[in-house]
């Protein structure tokens, strides 16, 4: 069994490769994505302020991680990142966030399992087809035959990206970092 809820002590932090430098100020494209609640969500059409956190893949305790996962900087930590947004959900709402979403290239079925297991109070969105990744030129990596989005978080207001947190490390502090930015009155 893999303990996906804990981060190993020897993880190498990711470096800023500039892969998200173009995103702040960008308007989201109209790209409906399947959500774990069974709906299609078009982030470009949602009113108010949103938080979208992006993660490579939520691991399962009963399945092995891809070969080399822990050695790739920034790959490990999706469950702690998701749990941090779960644990800070009420605080983010109190700071004016209308909705929180998680995004990965996993299928809606894989994400549904994670959302239920982790008791997430918000939907996860699937970009398994790569439509949003290509439209926004989101940074990604390939490992063990799979394509994964690099970890980041975005604050989006009325369909426009206001702030990008990239790279994210450690992932379990991502939600607190977003909350701190919002608390500063931004």
Protein backbone atom coordinates (compact mmCIF):
# COMPACT_ATOMS: atom_id res chain seq x y z
CA UNK A 1 0.00 0.00 0.00
CA UNK A 2 1.14 3.52 -0.81
CA UNK A 3 0.58 6.29 1.75
CA UNK A 4 -0.39 9.05 -0.67
CA UNK A 5 -1.44 11.36 2.16
CA UNK A 6 2.14 11.94 3.37
CA UNK A 7 5.00 13.59 1.56
CA UNK A 8 8.38 11.85 1.65
CA UNK A 9 11.08 13.93 3.37
CA UNK A 10 13.51 13.66 0.44
CA UNK A 11 11.38 15.24 -2.32
CA UNK A 12 13.19 17.61 -4.66
CA UNK A 13 11.28 20.90 -5.01
CA UNK A 14 10.34 21.93 -8.54
CA UNK A 15 12.00 24.99 -10.04
CA UNK A 16 10.28 27.80 -11.91
CA UNK A 17 10.82 26.87 -15.53
CA UNK A 18 8.74 29.82 -16.78
CA UNK A 19 6.01 27.46 -17.96
CA UNK A 20 3.23 29.53 -16.36
CA UNK A 21 4.66 33.03 -16.86
CA UNK A 22 2.22 33.81 -19.69
CA UNK A 23 -0.96 32.98 -17.75
CA UNK A 24 -1.61 36.01 -15.52
CA UNK A 25 -4.05 38.37 -17.24
CA UNK A 26 -5.19 35.70 -19.69
CA UNK A 27 -8.90 35.16 -20.32
CA UNK A 28 -10.00 31.57 -20.03
CA UNK A 29 -11.18 29.93 -23.24
CA UNK A 30 -14.66 28.41 -23.51
CA UNK A 31 -13.76 24.77 -22.84
CA UNK A 32 -16.42 22.80 -20.94
CA UNK A 33 -14.83 20.11 -18.77
CA UNK A 34 -16.44 17.05 -17.18
CA UNK A 35 -16.77 17.39 -13.40
CA UNK A 36 -17.01 14.78 -10.67
CA UNK A 37 -20.56 15.94 -9.89
CA UNK A 38 -21.65 14.78 -13.37
CA UNK A 39 -21.92 18.26 -14.89
CA UNK A 40 -19.89 20.06 -17.54
CA UNK A 41 -18.13 23.16 -16.18
CA UNK A 42 -17.01 26.02 -18.42
CA UNK A 43 -14.75 28.09 -16.18
CA UNK A 44 -14.81 31.01 -18.63
CA UNK A 45 -18.53 31.53 -17.98
CA UNK A 46 -18.62 31.33 -14.19
CA UNK A 47 -19.26 34.58 -12.34
CA UNK A 48 -17.25 35.82 -9.39
CA UNK A 49 -13.88 34.73 -8.09
CA UNK A 50 -12.74 31.12 -8.46
CA UNK A 51 -9.74 29.13 -7.36
CA UNK A 52 -8.52 26.45 -9.73
CA UNK A 53 -5.72 24.26 -8.48
CA UNK A 54 -3.96 22.02 -10.95
CA UNK A 55 -2.31 18.76 -10.00
CA UNK A 56 -0.67 15.88 -11.88
CA UNK A 57 -2.56 12.87 -10.52
CA UNK A 58 -4.23 11.83 -7.29
CA UNK A 59 -2.71 8.53 -6.24
CA UNK A 60 -4.67 5.68 -4.75
CA UNK A 61 -3.56 3.88 -1.61
CA UNK A 62 -4.17 0.52 -3.31
CA UNK A 63 -2.20 1.26 -6.51
CA UNK A 64 1.47 1.83 -7.26
CA UNK A 65 2.59 5.25 -8.42
CA UNK A 66 4.10 5.52 -11.91
CA UNK A 67 7.75 4.50 -12.18
CA UNK A 68 9.97 7.45 -11.18
CA UNK A 69 7.09 9.48 -9.69
CA UNK A 70 8.86 10.43 -6.44
CA UNK A 71 12.05 11.36 -8.28
CA UNK A 72 10.33 13.86 -10.61
CA UNK A 73 10.31 17.32 -8.94
CA UNK A 74 6.73 18.39 -8.25
CA UNK A 75 4.99 15.13 -9.13
CA UNK A 76 4.29 13.85 -5.60
CA UNK A 77 1.79 15.56 -3.33
CA UNK A 78 -1.57 15.66 -5.11
CA UNK A 79 -3.52 14.18 -2.21
CA UNK A 80 -2.00 16.61 0.34
CA UNK A 81 -2.71 19.52 -2.05
CA UNK A 82 -6.34 18.43 -2.52
CA UNK A 83 -6.77 17.95 1.22
CA UNK A 84 -5.34 21.41 1.89
CA UNK A 85 -7.98 22.96 -0.36
CA UNK A 86 -10.62 20.83 1.38
CA UNK A 87 -9.42 21.99 4.80
CA UNK A 88 -9.25 25.67 3.73
CA UNK A 89 -12.49 25.61 1.71
CA UNK A 90 -14.58 27.59 4.24
CA UNK A 91 -11.77 30.13 4.71
CA UNK A 92 -11.48 30.65 0.94
CA UNK A 93 -15.24 31.18 0.71
CA UNK A 94 -15.05 33.72 3.54
CA UNK A 95 -12.38 35.53 1.51
CA UNK A 96 -14.76 35.90 -1.44
CA UNK A 97 -14.07 32.76 -3.46
CA UNK A 98 -17.32 31.63 -5.05
CA UNK A 99 -16.05 28.20 -6.09
CA UNK A 100 -12.98 25.97 -5.85
CA UNK A 101 -12.08 23.38 -8.47
CA UNK A 102 -9.27 20.89 -8.90
CA UNK A 103 -8.00 19.98 -12.38
CA UNK A 104 -5.96 17.07 -13.69
CA UNK A 105 -5.67 14.89 -16.77
CA UNK A 106 -7.23 11.96 -14.93
CA UNK A 107 -10.57 10.61 -16.12
CA UNK A 108 -13.76 11.72 -14.36
CA UNK A 109 -14.11 8.19 -12.96
CA UNK A 110 -10.62 8.29 -11.43
CA UNK A 111 -11.31 11.74 -10.02
CA UNK A 112 -14.69 10.71 -8.63
CA UNK A 113 -13.01 7.98 -6.58
CA UNK A 114 -10.55 10.52 -5.16
CA UNK A 115 -13.23 13.15 -4.47
CA UNK A 116 -15.31 10.62 -2.54
CA UNK A 117 -12.37 9.09 -0.67
CA UNK A 118 -10.99 12.49 0.34
CA UNK A 119 -14.44 14.00 1.10
CA UNK A 120 -13.82 17.01 -1.15
CA UNK A 121 -16.55 19.69 -0.88
CA UNK A 122 -15.92 20.88 -4.46
CA UNK A 123 -15.77 19.18 -7.88
CA UNK A 124 -12.67 17.98 -9.66
CA UNK A 125 -12.46 18.71 -13.40
CA UNK A 126 -11.02 16.38 -16.01
CA UNK A 127 -8.84 17.61 -18.85
CA UNK A 128 -8.14 14.07 -20.04
CA UNK A 129 -8.70 15.24 -23.63
CA UNK A 130 -6.12 18.03 -23.17
CA UNK A 131 -8.40 20.80 -24.46
CA UNK A 132 -7.71 23.31 -21.69
CA UNK A 133 -4.03 22.33 -21.51
CA UNK A 134 -3.55 23.10 -25.18
CA UNK A 135 -5.72 26.26 -25.19
CA UNK A 136 -3.82 27.80 -22.24
CA UNK A 137 -0.47 26.18 -23.03
CA UNK A 138 -0.35 24.76 -19.49
CA UNK A 139 2.97 23.26 -18.43
CA UNK A 140 3.04 19.47 -18.33
CA UNK A 141 5.42 16.54 -18.07
CA UNK A 142 5.49 12.98 -19.29
CA UNK A 143 6.51 10.06 -17.14
CA UNK A 144 6.07 6.30 -17.47
CA UNK A 145 3.93 6.74 -20.60
CA UNK A 146 1.50 9.27 -19.10
CA UNK A 147 1.02 13.00 -19.63
CA UNK A 148 0.49 15.06 -16.45
CA UNK A 149 -0.14 18.73 -15.72
CA UNK A 150 2.41 20.50 -13.56
CA UNK A 151 1.15 21.63 -10.18
CA UNK A 152 -0.12 25.20 -9.84
CA UNK A 153 -3.05 27.22 -8.57
CA UNK A 154 -4.88 30.12 -10.19
CA UNK A 155 -7.16 32.80 -8.83
CA UNK A 156 -9.68 33.65 -11.56
CA UNK A 157 -12.14 36.55 -11.56
CA UNK A 158 -14.95 36.70 -14.13
CA UNK A 159 -13.03 34.37 -16.47
CA UNK A 160 -9.66 36.18 -16.23
CA UNK A 161 -6.59 34.76 -14.47
CA UNK A 162 -5.54 37.25 -11.77
CA UNK A 163 -2.82 35.28 -10.02
CA UNK A 164 -0.82 32.13 -10.68
CA UNK A 165 1.01 30.20 -7.98
CA UNK A 166 3.77 28.29 -9.78
CA UNK A 167 5.70 26.26 -8.96
CA UNK A 168 3.92 24.95 -5.87
CA UNK A 169 5.98 23.43 -3.06
CA UNK A 170 5.24 21.99 -0.66
CA UNK A 171 1.84 21.08 -2.08
CA UNK A 172 0.14 20.79 1.30
CA UNK A 173 0.66 24.56 1.85
CA UNK A 174 -0.82 25.62 -1.49
CA UNK A 175 -4.30 26.50 -0.15
CA UNK A 176 -2.82 28.47 2.76
CA UNK A 177 -0.66 30.43 0.30
CA UNK A 178 -3.72 31.25 -1.82
CA UNK A 179 -5.65 32.30 1.30
CA UNK A 180 -2.76 34.53 2.42
CA UNK A 181 -2.70 36.24 -0.99
CA UNK A 182 -6.46 36.80 -0.86
CA UNK A 183 -6.24 38.04 2.75
CA UNK A 184 -3.78 40.72 1.62
CA UNK A 185 -6.70 42.31 -0.22
CA UNK A 186 -5.91 41.27 -3.72
